Each structure stands twice: as C-alpha cells, then as structure tokens.
PDB file of all heavy atoms in Angstrom:
ATOM      1  N   ALA A   1       9.001   7.276 -14.588  1.00  0.00           N
ATOM      2  CA  ALA A   1       9.754   6.975 -13.368  1.00  0.00           C
ATOM      3  C   ALA A   1      10.742   8.091 -13.068  1.00  0.00           C
ATOM      4  O   ALA A   1      11.321   8.692 -13.973  1.00  0.00           O
ATOM      5  CB  ALA A   1      10.490   5.646 -13.520  1.00  0.00           C
ATOM      6  N   GLY A   2      10.913   8.390 -11.796  1.00  0.00           N
ATOM      7  CA  GLY A   2      11.915   9.362 -11.376  1.00  0.00           C
ATOM      8  C   GLY A   2      11.433  10.792 -11.269  1.00  0.00           C
ATOM      9  O   GLY A   2      12.177  11.657 -10.813  1.00  0.00           O
ATOM     10  N   ALA A   3      10.203  11.083 -11.708  1.00  0.00           N
ATOM     11  CA  ALA A   3       9.696  12.456 -11.592  1.00  0.00           C
ATOM     12  C   ALA A   3       9.459  12.792 -10.122  1.00  0.00           C
ATOM     13  O   ALA A   3       8.882  11.994  -9.381  1.00  0.00           O
ATOM     14  CB  ALA A   3       8.409  12.616 -12.385  1.00  0.00           C
ATOM     15  N   GLU A   4       9.918  13.943  -9.704  1.00  0.00           N
ATOM     16  CA  GLU A   4       9.758  14.357  -8.312  1.00  0.00           C
ATOM     17  C   GLU A   4       8.914  15.629  -8.277  1.00  0.00           C
ATOM     18  O   GLU A   4       9.388  16.709  -8.633  1.00  0.00           O
ATOM     19  CB  GLU A   4      11.130  14.613  -7.687  1.00  0.00           C
ATOM     20  CG  GLU A   4      11.097  14.949  -6.194  1.00  0.00           C
ATOM     21  CD  GLU A   4      10.627  13.788  -5.328  1.00  0.00           C
ATOM     22  OE1 GLU A   4      10.751  12.627  -5.773  1.00  0.00           O
ATOM     23  OE2 GLU A   4      10.122  14.038  -4.219  1.00  0.00           O
ATOM     24  N   PRO A   5       7.643  15.534  -7.878  1.00  0.00           N
ATOM     25  CA  PRO A   5       6.783  16.719  -7.893  1.00  0.00           C
ATOM     26  C   PRO A   5       7.193  17.749  -6.843  1.00  0.00           C
ATOM     27  O   PRO A   5       7.635  17.395  -5.744  1.00  0.00           O
ATOM     28  CB  PRO A   5       5.395  16.145  -7.584  1.00  0.00           C
ATOM     29  CG  PRO A   5       5.664  14.883  -6.826  1.00  0.00           C
ATOM     30  CD  PRO A   5       6.944  14.338  -7.388  1.00  0.00           C
ATOM     31  N   ASP A   6       7.067  19.010  -7.212  1.00  0.00           N
ATOM     32  CA  ASP A   6       7.338  20.091  -6.260  1.00  0.00           C
ATOM     33  C   ASP A   6       6.168  20.294  -5.305  1.00  0.00           C
ATOM     34  O   ASP A   6       6.345  20.776  -4.189  1.00  0.00           O
ATOM     35  CB  ASP A   6       7.598  21.404  -7.009  1.00  0.00           C
ATOM     36  CG  ASP A   6       8.827  21.311  -7.896  1.00  0.00           C
ATOM     37  OD1 ASP A   6       9.848  20.771  -7.429  1.00  0.00           O
ATOM     38  OD2 ASP A   6       8.755  21.758  -9.054  1.00  0.00           O
ATOM     39  N   ARG A   7       4.980  19.946  -5.761  1.00  0.00           N
ATOM     40  CA  ARG A   7       3.785  20.174  -4.960  1.00  0.00           C
ATOM     41  C   ARG A   7       2.827  19.002  -5.160  1.00  0.00           C
ATOM     42  O   ARG A   7       2.642  18.535  -6.278  1.00  0.00           O
ATOM     43  CB  ARG A   7       3.104  21.486  -5.376  1.00  0.00           C
ATOM     44  CG  ARG A   7       1.891  21.869  -4.554  1.00  0.00           C
ATOM     45  CD  ARG A   7       1.330  23.219  -5.035  1.00  0.00           C
ATOM     46  NE  ARG A   7       0.125  23.586  -4.328  1.00  0.00           N
ATOM     47  CZ  ARG A   7       0.095  24.260  -3.187  1.00  0.00           C
ATOM     48  NH1 ARG A   7       1.226  24.645  -2.627  1.00  0.00           N
ATOM     49  NH2 ARG A   7      -1.046  24.559  -2.596  1.00  0.00           N
ATOM     50  N   VAL A   8       2.257  18.521  -4.088  1.00  0.00           N
ATOM     51  CA  VAL A   8       1.282  17.433  -4.151  1.00  0.00           C
ATOM     52  C   VAL A   8       0.044  17.870  -3.386  1.00  0.00           C
ATOM     53  O   VAL A   8       0.122  18.173  -2.189  1.00  0.00           O
ATOM     54  CB  VAL A   8       1.832  16.129  -3.532  1.00  0.00           C
ATOM     55  CG1 VAL A   8       0.774  15.028  -3.585  1.00  0.00           C
ATOM     56  CG2 VAL A   8       3.084  15.682  -4.261  1.00  0.00           C
ATOM     57  N   THR A   9      -1.081  17.949  -4.068  1.00  0.00           N
ATOM     58  CA  THR A   9      -2.337  18.305  -3.413  1.00  0.00           C
ATOM     59  C   THR A   9      -3.374  17.217  -3.664  1.00  0.00           C
ATOM     60  O   THR A   9      -3.254  16.451  -4.620  1.00  0.00           O
ATOM     61  CB  THR A   9      -2.893  19.648  -3.922  1.00  0.00           C
ATOM     62  OG1 THR A   9      -3.186  19.530  -5.320  1.00  0.00           O
ATOM     63  CG2 THR A   9      -1.900  20.775  -3.711  1.00  0.00           C
ATOM     64  N   PHE A  10      -4.361  17.169  -2.815  1.00  0.00           N
ATOM     65  CA  PHE A  10      -5.417  16.173  -2.917  1.00  0.00           C
ATOM     66  C   PHE A  10      -6.765  16.874  -3.040  1.00  0.00           C
ATOM     67  O   PHE A  10      -6.956  17.972  -2.494  1.00  0.00           O
ATOM     68  CB  PHE A  10      -5.429  15.274  -1.669  1.00  0.00           C
ATOM     69  CG  PHE A  10      -4.235  14.366  -1.567  1.00  0.00           C
ATOM     70  CD1 PHE A  10      -3.053  14.797  -0.988  1.00  0.00           C
ATOM     71  CD2 PHE A  10      -4.294  13.076  -2.056  1.00  0.00           C
ATOM     72  CE1 PHE A  10      -1.954  13.960  -0.901  1.00  0.00           C
ATOM     73  CE2 PHE A  10      -3.208  12.220  -1.976  1.00  0.00           C
ATOM     74  CZ  PHE A  10      -2.032  12.670  -1.390  1.00  0.00           C
ATOM     75  N   SER A  11      -7.684  16.239  -3.766  1.00  0.00           N
ATOM     76  CA  SER A  11      -9.043  16.755  -3.860  1.00  0.00           C
ATOM     77  C   SER A  11     -10.010  15.610  -3.646  1.00  0.00           C
ATOM     78  O   SER A  11      -9.624  14.441  -3.606  1.00  0.00           O
ATOM     79  CB  SER A  11      -9.285  17.410  -5.229  1.00  0.00           C
ATOM     80  OG  SER A  11      -9.243  16.427  -6.258  1.00  0.00           O
ATOM     81  N   GLY A  12     -11.283  15.955  -3.513  1.00  0.00           N
ATOM     82  CA  GLY A  12     -12.284  14.930  -3.253  1.00  0.00           C
ATOM     83  C   GLY A  12     -12.560  14.786  -1.767  1.00  0.00           C
ATOM     84  O   GLY A  12     -11.941  15.439  -0.916  1.00  0.00           O
ATOM     85  N   GLY A  13     -13.480  13.900  -1.438  1.00  0.00           N
ATOM     86  CA  GLY A  13     -13.904  13.746  -0.051  1.00  0.00           C
ATOM     87  C   GLY A  13     -12.780  13.364   0.892  1.00  0.00           C
ATOM     88  O   GLY A  13     -12.680  13.872   2.010  1.00  0.00           O
ATOM     89  N   VAL A  14     -11.896  12.460   0.436  1.00  0.00           N
ATOM     90  CA  VAL A  14     -10.807  12.012   1.311  1.00  0.00           C
ATOM     91  C   VAL A  14      -9.857  13.164   1.639  1.00  0.00           C
ATOM     92  O   VAL A  14      -9.247  13.198   2.713  1.00  0.00           O
ATOM     93  CB  VAL A  14     -10.060  10.828   0.676  1.00  0.00           C
ATOM     94  CG1 VAL A  14      -8.823  10.450   1.500  1.00  0.00           C
ATOM     95  CG2 VAL A  14     -10.987   9.618   0.567  1.00  0.00           C
ATOM     96  N   SER A  15      -9.731  14.136   0.726  1.00  0.00           N
ATOM     97  CA  SER A  15      -8.829  15.250   1.000  1.00  0.00           C
ATOM     98  C   SER A  15      -9.264  16.057   2.215  1.00  0.00           C
ATOM     99  O   SER A  15      -8.440  16.718   2.858  1.00  0.00           O
ATOM    100  CB  SER A  15      -8.744  16.171  -0.222  1.00  0.00           C
ATOM    101  OG  SER A  15      -9.941  16.915  -0.398  1.00  0.00           O
ATOM    102  N   GLU A  16     -10.544  16.018   2.532  1.00  0.00           N
ATOM    103  CA  GLU A  16     -11.008  16.720   3.732  1.00  0.00           C
ATOM    104  C   GLU A  16     -10.352  16.148   4.986  1.00  0.00           C
ATOM    105  O   GLU A  16     -10.115  16.859   5.957  1.00  0.00           O
ATOM    106  CB  GLU A  16     -12.533  16.621   3.834  1.00  0.00           C
ATOM    107  CG  GLU A  16     -13.290  17.231   2.656  1.00  0.00           C
ATOM    108  CD  GLU A  16     -13.077  18.736   2.575  1.00  0.00           C
ATOM    109  OE1 GLU A  16     -13.525  19.457   3.490  1.00  0.00           O
ATOM    110  OE2 GLU A  16     -12.439  19.188   1.603  1.00  0.00           O
ATOM    111  N   TYR A  17     -10.054  14.853   4.964  1.00  0.00           N
ATOM    112  CA  TYR A  17      -9.330  14.230   6.080  1.00  0.00           C
ATOM    113  C   TYR A  17      -7.833  14.507   5.990  1.00  0.00           C
ATOM    114  O   TYR A  17      -7.161  14.705   7.011  1.00  0.00           O
ATOM    115  CB  TYR A  17      -9.564  12.720   6.082  1.00  0.00           C
ATOM    116  CG  TYR A  17     -10.989  12.304   6.332  1.00  0.00           C
ATOM    117  CD1 TYR A  17     -11.746  11.724   5.333  1.00  0.00           C
ATOM    118  CD2 TYR A  17     -11.582  12.497   7.585  1.00  0.00           C
ATOM    119  CE1 TYR A  17     -13.063  11.338   5.555  1.00  0.00           C
ATOM    120  CE2 TYR A  17     -12.893  12.118   7.823  1.00  0.00           C
ATOM    121  CZ  TYR A  17     -13.627  11.540   6.804  1.00  0.00           C
ATOM    122  OH  TYR A  17     -14.926  11.164   7.036  1.00  0.00           O
ATOM    123  N   VAL A  18      -7.289  14.523   4.762  1.00  0.00           N
ATOM    124  CA  VAL A  18      -5.860  14.782   4.590  1.00  0.00           C
ATOM    125  C   VAL A  18      -5.486  16.117   5.217  1.00  0.00           C
ATOM    126  O   VAL A  18      -4.465  16.244   5.898  1.00  0.00           O
ATOM    127  CB  VAL A  18      -5.486  14.772   3.089  1.00  0.00           C
ATOM    128  CG1 VAL A  18      -4.042  15.241   2.881  1.00  0.00           C
ATOM    129  CG2 VAL A  18      -5.665  13.372   2.498  1.00  0.00           C
ATOM    130  N   TYR A  19      -6.334  17.130   5.017  1.00  0.00           N
ATOM    131  CA  TYR A  19      -6.025  18.475   5.495  1.00  0.00           C
ATOM    132  C   TYR A  19      -6.722  18.813   6.813  1.00  0.00           C
ATOM    133  O   TYR A  19      -6.711  19.968   7.242  1.00  0.00           O
ATOM    134  CB  TYR A  19      -6.398  19.502   4.419  1.00  0.00           C
ATOM    135  CG  TYR A  19      -5.632  19.293   3.133  1.00  0.00           C
ATOM    136  CD1 TYR A  19      -6.281  18.950   1.956  1.00  0.00           C
ATOM    137  CD2 TYR A  19      -4.243  19.402   3.109  1.00  0.00           C
ATOM    138  CE1 TYR A  19      -5.583  18.745   0.782  1.00  0.00           C
ATOM    139  CE2 TYR A  19      -3.527  19.200   1.937  1.00  0.00           C
ATOM    140  CZ  TYR A  19      -4.198  18.867   0.778  1.00  0.00           C
ATOM    141  OH  TYR A  19      -3.491  18.662  -0.373  1.00  0.00           O
ATOM    142  N   GLY A  20      -7.345  17.826   7.440  1.00  0.00           N
ATOM    143  CA  GLY A  20      -7.925  18.042   8.757  1.00  0.00           C
ATOM    144  C   GLY A  20      -9.170  18.892   8.770  1.00  0.00           C
ATOM    145  O   GLY A  20      -9.540  19.445   9.802  1.00  0.00           O
ATOM    146  N   ARG A  21      -9.868  18.989   7.625  1.00  0.00           N
ATOM    147  CA  ARG A  21     -11.082  19.802   7.589  1.00  0.00           C
ATOM    148  C   ARG A  21     -12.322  19.006   7.987  1.00  0.00           C
ATOM    149  O   ARG A  21     -13.367  19.590   8.239  1.00  0.00           O
ATOM    150  CB  ARG A  21     -11.268  20.394   6.178  1.00  0.00           C
ATOM    151  CG  ARG A  21     -10.205  21.425   5.802  1.00  0.00           C
ATOM    152  CD  ARG A  21     -10.548  22.150   4.516  1.00  0.00           C
ATOM    153  NE  ARG A  21     -10.336  21.341   3.344  1.00  0.00           N
ATOM    154  CZ  ARG A  21      -9.463  21.625   2.367  1.00  0.00           C
ATOM    155  NH1 ARG A  21      -8.718  22.715   2.466  1.00  0.00           N
ATOM    156  NH2 ARG A  21      -9.341  20.839   1.321  1.00  0.00           N
ATOM    157  N   GLU A  22     -12.222  17.680   8.012  1.00  0.00           N
ATOM    158  CA  GLU A  22     -13.346  16.823   8.381  1.00  0.00           C
ATOM    159  C   GLU A  22     -12.886  15.835   9.447  1.00  0.00           C
ATOM    160  O   GLU A  22     -12.030  14.988   9.198  1.00  0.00           O
ATOM    161  CB  GLU A  22     -13.854  16.068   7.151  1.00  0.00           C
ATOM    162  CG  GLU A  22     -14.960  15.062   7.446  1.00  0.00           C
ATOM    163  CD  GLU A  22     -16.180  15.713   8.060  1.00  0.00           C
ATOM    164  OE1 GLU A  22     -16.924  16.394   7.324  1.00  0.00           O
ATOM    165  OE2 GLU A  22     -16.382  15.545   9.292  1.00  0.00           O
ATOM    166  N   PRO A  23     -13.420  15.913  10.677  1.00  0.00           N
ATOM    167  CA  PRO A  23     -12.974  15.008  11.749  1.00  0.00           C
ATOM    168  C   PRO A  23     -13.839  13.761  11.915  1.00  0.00           C
ATOM    169  O   PRO A  23     -13.443  12.827  12.611  1.00  0.00           O
ATOM    170  CB  PRO A  23     -13.082  15.896  12.992  1.00  0.00           C
ATOM    171  CG  PRO A  23     -14.263  16.785  12.695  1.00  0.00           C
ATOM    172  CD  PRO A  23     -14.241  17.027  11.199  1.00  0.00           C
ATOM    173  N   ARG A  24     -15.025  13.728  11.289  1.00  0.00           N
ATOM    174  CA  ARG A  24     -15.975  12.652  11.574  1.00  0.00           C
ATOM    175  C   ARG A  24     -15.644  11.378  10.805  1.00  0.00           C
ATOM    176  O   ARG A  24     -15.112  11.414   9.718  1.00  0.00           O
ATOM    177  CB  ARG A  24     -17.391  13.099  11.204  1.00  0.00           C
ATOM    178  CG  ARG A  24     -17.919  14.282  11.995  1.00  0.00           C
ATOM    179  CD  ARG A  24     -19.250  14.755  11.391  1.00  0.00           C
ATOM    180  NE  ARG A  24     -19.067  15.243  10.023  1.00  0.00           N
ATOM    181  CZ  ARG A  24     -20.056  15.435   9.155  1.00  0.00           C
ATOM    182  NH1 ARG A  24     -21.303  15.168   9.509  1.00  0.00           N
ATOM    183  NH2 ARG A  24     -19.798  15.881   7.931  1.00  0.00           N
ATOM    184  N   HIS A  25     -15.993  10.256  11.401  1.00  0.00           N
ATOM    185  CA  HIS A  25     -15.930   8.968  10.715  1.00  0.00           C
ATOM    186  C   HIS A  25     -17.291   8.751  10.063  1.00  0.00           C
ATOM    187  O   HIS A  25     -18.312   8.714  10.739  1.00  0.00           O
ATOM    188  CB  HIS A  25     -15.623   7.839  11.705  1.00  0.00           C
ATOM    189  CG  HIS A  25     -15.279   6.537  11.052  1.00  0.00           C
ATOM    190  ND1 HIS A  25     -16.129   5.869  10.207  1.00  0.00           N
ATOM    191  CD2 HIS A  25     -14.151   5.781  11.117  1.00  0.00           C
ATOM    192  CE1 HIS A  25     -15.559   4.757   9.790  1.00  0.00           C
ATOM    193  NE2 HIS A  25     -14.347   4.675  10.326  1.00  0.00           N
ATOM    194  N   LEU A  26     -17.297   8.575   8.720  1.00  0.00           N
ATOM    195  CA  LEU A  26     -18.552   8.497   7.983  1.00  0.00           C
ATOM    196  C   LEU A  26     -18.864   7.078   7.521  1.00  0.00           C
ATOM    197  O   LEU A  26     -19.617   6.871   6.579  1.00  0.00           O
ATOM    198  CB  LEU A  26     -18.529   9.460   6.794  1.00  0.00           C
ATOM    199  CG  LEU A  26     -18.336  10.934   7.161  1.00  0.00           C
ATOM    200  CD1 LEU A  26     -18.266  11.808   5.923  1.00  0.00           C
ATOM    201  CD2 LEU A  26     -19.447  11.405   8.078  1.00  0.00           C
ATOM    202  N   GLY A  27     -18.275   6.089   8.196  1.00  0.00           N
ATOM    203  CA  GLY A  27     -18.648   4.717   7.906  1.00  0.00           C
ATOM    204  C   GLY A  27     -17.925   4.088   6.740  1.00  0.00           C
ATOM    205  O   GLY A  27     -18.354   3.042   6.239  1.00  0.00           O
ATOM    206  N   ASP A  28     -16.828   4.701   6.286  1.00  0.00           N
ATOM    207  CA  ASP A  28     -16.050   4.106   5.199  1.00  0.00           C
ATOM    208  C   ASP A  28     -14.567   4.216   5.520  1.00  0.00           C
ATOM    209  O   ASP A  28     -14.186   4.503   6.660  1.00  0.00           O
ATOM    210  CB  ASP A  28     -16.396   4.759   3.863  1.00  0.00           C
ATOM    211  CG  ASP A  28     -16.139   6.265   3.875  1.00  0.00           C
ATOM    212  OD1 ASP A  28     -15.455   6.748   4.791  1.00  0.00           O
ATOM    213  OD2 ASP A  28     -16.629   6.953   2.958  1.00  0.00           O
ATOM    214  N   LEU A  29     -13.718   4.026   4.525  1.00  0.00           N
ATOM    215  CA  LEU A  29     -12.267   4.093   4.751  1.00  0.00           C
ATOM    216  C   LEU A  29     -11.732   5.522   4.712  1.00  0.00           C
ATOM    217  O   LEU A  29     -10.531   5.719   4.844  1.00  0.00           O
ATOM    218  CB  LEU A  29     -11.530   3.276   3.678  1.00  0.00           C
ATOM    219  CG  LEU A  29     -11.533   1.760   3.802  1.00  0.00           C
ATOM    220  CD1 LEU A  29     -10.736   1.146   2.654  1.00  0.00           C
ATOM    221  CD2 LEU A  29     -10.932   1.324   5.130  1.00  0.00           C
ATOM    222  N   GLY A  30     -12.596   6.503   4.516  1.00  0.00           N
ATOM    223  CA  GLY A  30     -12.134   7.869   4.301  1.00  0.00           C
ATOM    224  C   GLY A  30     -11.196   8.403   5.359  1.00  0.00           C
ATOM    225  O   GLY A  30     -10.128   8.937   5.052  1.00  0.00           O
ATOM    226  N   LEU A  31     -11.570   8.263   6.632  1.00  0.00           N
ATOM    227  CA  LEU A  31     -10.760   8.822   7.717  1.00  0.00           C
ATOM    228  C   LEU A  31      -9.400   8.136   7.778  1.00  0.00           C
ATOM    229  O   LEU A  31      -8.355   8.801   7.811  1.00  0.00           O
ATOM    230  CB  LEU A  31     -11.495   8.670   9.048  1.00  0.00           C
ATOM    231  CG  LEU A  31     -10.751   9.156  10.295  1.00  0.00           C
ATOM    232  CD1 LEU A  31     -10.378  10.620  10.166  1.00  0.00           C
ATOM    233  CD2 LEU A  31     -11.598   8.924  11.547  1.00  0.00           C
ATOM    234  N   ALA A  32      -9.389   6.804   7.772  1.00  0.00           N
ATOM    235  CA  ALA A  32      -8.116   6.081   7.843  1.00  0.00           C
ATOM    236  C   ALA A  32      -7.251   6.359   6.613  1.00  0.00           C
ATOM    237  O   ALA A  32      -6.028   6.544   6.716  1.00  0.00           O
ATOM    238  CB  ALA A  32      -8.367   4.579   7.977  1.00  0.00           C
ATOM    239  N   LEU A  33      -7.879   6.424   5.439  1.00  0.00           N
ATOM    240  CA  LEU A  33      -7.121   6.666   4.215  1.00  0.00           C
ATOM    241  C   LEU A  33      -6.549   8.077   4.205  1.00  0.00           C
ATOM    242  O   LEU A  33      -5.392   8.292   3.817  1.00  0.00           O
ATOM    243  CB  LEU A  33      -8.014   6.441   2.994  1.00  0.00           C
ATOM    244  CG  LEU A  33      -7.345   6.581   1.628  1.00  0.00           C
ATOM    245  CD1 LEU A  33      -6.167   5.645   1.491  1.00  0.00           C
ATOM    246  CD2 LEU A  33      -8.360   6.326   0.512  1.00  0.00           C
ATOM    247  N   GLY A  34      -7.346   9.057   4.631  1.00  0.00           N
ATOM    248  CA  GLY A  34      -6.850  10.427   4.685  1.00  0.00           C
ATOM    249  C   GLY A  34      -5.653  10.561   5.599  1.00  0.00           C
ATOM    250  O   GLY A  34      -4.670  11.243   5.283  1.00  0.00           O
ATOM    251  N   GLN A  35      -5.698   9.899   6.747  1.00  0.00           N
ATOM    252  CA  GLN A  35      -4.573   9.957   7.682  1.00  0.00           C
ATOM    253  C   GLN A  35      -3.335   9.282   7.104  1.00  0.00           C
ATOM    254  O   GLN A  35      -2.205   9.741   7.307  1.00  0.00           O
ATOM    255  CB  GLN A  35      -4.978   9.321   9.004  1.00  0.00           C
ATOM    256  CG  GLN A  35      -6.032  10.128   9.758  1.00  0.00           C
ATOM    257  CD  GLN A  35      -6.580   9.396  10.971  1.00  0.00           C
ATOM    258  OE1 GLN A  35      -6.430   8.182  11.117  1.00  0.00           O
ATOM    259  NE2 GLN A  35      -7.244  10.136  11.856  1.00  0.00           N
ATOM    260  N   ALA A  36      -3.544   8.192   6.331  1.00  0.00           N
ATOM    261  CA  ALA A  36      -2.406   7.506   5.720  1.00  0.00           C
ATOM    262  C   ALA A  36      -1.804   8.307   4.575  1.00  0.00           C
ATOM    263  O   ALA A  36      -0.604   8.217   4.297  1.00  0.00           O
ATOM    264  CB  ALA A  36      -2.840   6.124   5.225  1.00  0.00           C
ATOM    265  N   LEU A  37      -2.640   9.092   3.893  1.00  0.00           N
ATOM    266  CA  LEU A  37      -2.167   9.891   2.761  1.00  0.00           C
ATOM    267  C   LEU A  37      -1.544  11.212   3.175  1.00  0.00           C
ATOM    268  O   LEU A  37      -0.783  11.805   2.405  1.00  0.00           O
ATOM    269  CB  LEU A  37      -3.331  10.175   1.804  1.00  0.00           C
ATOM    270  CG  LEU A  37      -3.916   8.999   1.035  1.00  0.00           C
ATOM    271  CD1 LEU A  37      -5.151   9.447   0.266  1.00  0.00           C
ATOM    272  CD2 LEU A  37      -2.887   8.403   0.088  1.00  0.00           C
ATOM    273  N   ALA A  38      -1.867  11.699   4.356  1.00  0.00           N
ATOM    274  CA  ALA A  38      -1.426  13.029   4.780  1.00  0.00           C
ATOM    275  C   ALA A  38       0.080  13.241   4.624  1.00  0.00           C
ATOM    276  O   ALA A  38       0.508  14.321   4.189  1.00  0.00           O
ATOM    277  CB  ALA A  38      -1.873  13.291   6.217  1.00  0.00           C
ATOM    278  N   PRO A  39       0.939  12.248   4.945  1.00  0.00           N
ATOM    279  CA  PRO A  39       2.384  12.485   4.786  1.00  0.00           C
ATOM    280  C   PRO A  39       2.816  12.710   3.332  1.00  0.00           C
ATOM    281  O   PRO A  39       3.915  13.233   3.094  1.00  0.00           O
ATOM    282  CB  PRO A  39       3.014  11.191   5.343  1.00  0.00           C
ATOM    283  CG  PRO A  39       1.994  10.634   6.275  1.00  0.00           C
ATOM    284  CD  PRO A  39       0.686  10.965   5.643  1.00  0.00           C
ATOM    285  N   LEU A  40       1.980  12.327   2.343  1.00  0.00           N
ATOM    286  CA  LEU A  40       2.342  12.525   0.941  1.00  0.00           C
ATOM    287  C   LEU A  40       2.081  13.949   0.465  1.00  0.00           C
ATOM    288  O   LEU A  40       2.621  14.365  -0.561  1.00  0.00           O
ATOM    289  CB  LEU A  40       1.556  11.553   0.050  1.00  0.00           C
ATOM    290  CG  LEU A  40       1.744  10.060   0.292  1.00  0.00           C
ATOM    291  CD1 LEU A  40       0.922   9.260  -0.709  1.00  0.00           C
ATOM    292  CD2 LEU A  40       3.212   9.677   0.192  1.00  0.00           C
ATOM    293  N   ALA A  41       1.210  14.678   1.168  1.00  0.00           N
ATOM    294  CA  ALA A  41       0.876  16.044   0.755  1.00  0.00           C
ATOM    295  C   ALA A  41       2.112  16.925   0.881  1.00  0.00           C
ATOM    296  O   ALA A  41       2.884  16.808   1.831  1.00  0.00           O
ATOM    297  CB  ALA A  41      -0.269  16.583   1.597  1.00  0.00           C
ATOM    298  N   ARG A  42       2.277  17.816  -0.084  1.00  0.00           N
ATOM    299  CA  ARG A  42       3.465  18.669  -0.101  1.00  0.00           C
ATOM    300  C   ARG A  42       3.085  20.038  -0.622  1.00  0.00           C
ATOM    301  O   ARG A  42       2.440  20.164  -1.660  1.00  0.00           O
ATOM    302  CB  ARG A  42       4.530  18.038  -1.005  1.00  0.00           C
ATOM    303  CG  ARG A  42       5.867  18.746  -1.013  1.00  0.00           C
ATOM    304  CD  ARG A  42       6.821  18.057  -1.965  1.00  0.00           C
ATOM    305  NE  ARG A  42       6.976  16.643  -1.659  1.00  0.00           N
ATOM    306  CZ  ARG A  42       7.633  15.798  -2.450  1.00  0.00           C
ATOM    307  NH1 ARG A  42       8.154  16.227  -3.575  1.00  0.00           N
ATOM    308  NH2 ARG A  42       7.734  14.530  -2.117  1.00  0.00           N
ATOM    309  N   GLY A  43       3.453  21.073   0.086  1.00  0.00           N
ATOM    310  CA  GLY A  43       3.209  22.428  -0.387  1.00  0.00           C
ATOM    311  C   GLY A  43       1.977  23.084   0.190  1.00  0.00           C
ATOM    312  O   GLY A  43       1.588  24.159  -0.242  1.00  0.00           O
ATOM    313  N   GLY A  44       1.326  22.455   1.172  1.00  0.00           N
ATOM    314  CA  GLY A  44       0.163  23.065   1.797  1.00  0.00           C
ATOM    315  C   GLY A  44      -1.118  22.747   1.064  1.00  0.00           C
ATOM    316  O   GLY A  44      -1.106  22.322  -0.096  1.00  0.00           O
TER     317      GLY A  44
END
C-alpha cells in the first residue's frame, strides 16, 4: 500500500485502445475497457 509508480504502461490487446492505436470495436469489452484505463497510463 502507498507505492506511487513513476510510470504506468499497458501491454496486450487492450493496450492498443489505451494508446489509440486500434479504433475498431472487435465484439468484446476491449474498446470500452481501454478508454476507461487510459487515464491511468502515465509516462507515455
């Protein structure tokens, strides 16, 4: 508890939505989840 990361990055299919590299809806939660996670990304 209390650890504050300097950098937060995402990998995997959902990360393509987090960073705006994939615009298509592929029939799952990926697009909505990526958009919800995007504010957590830190450091590019």
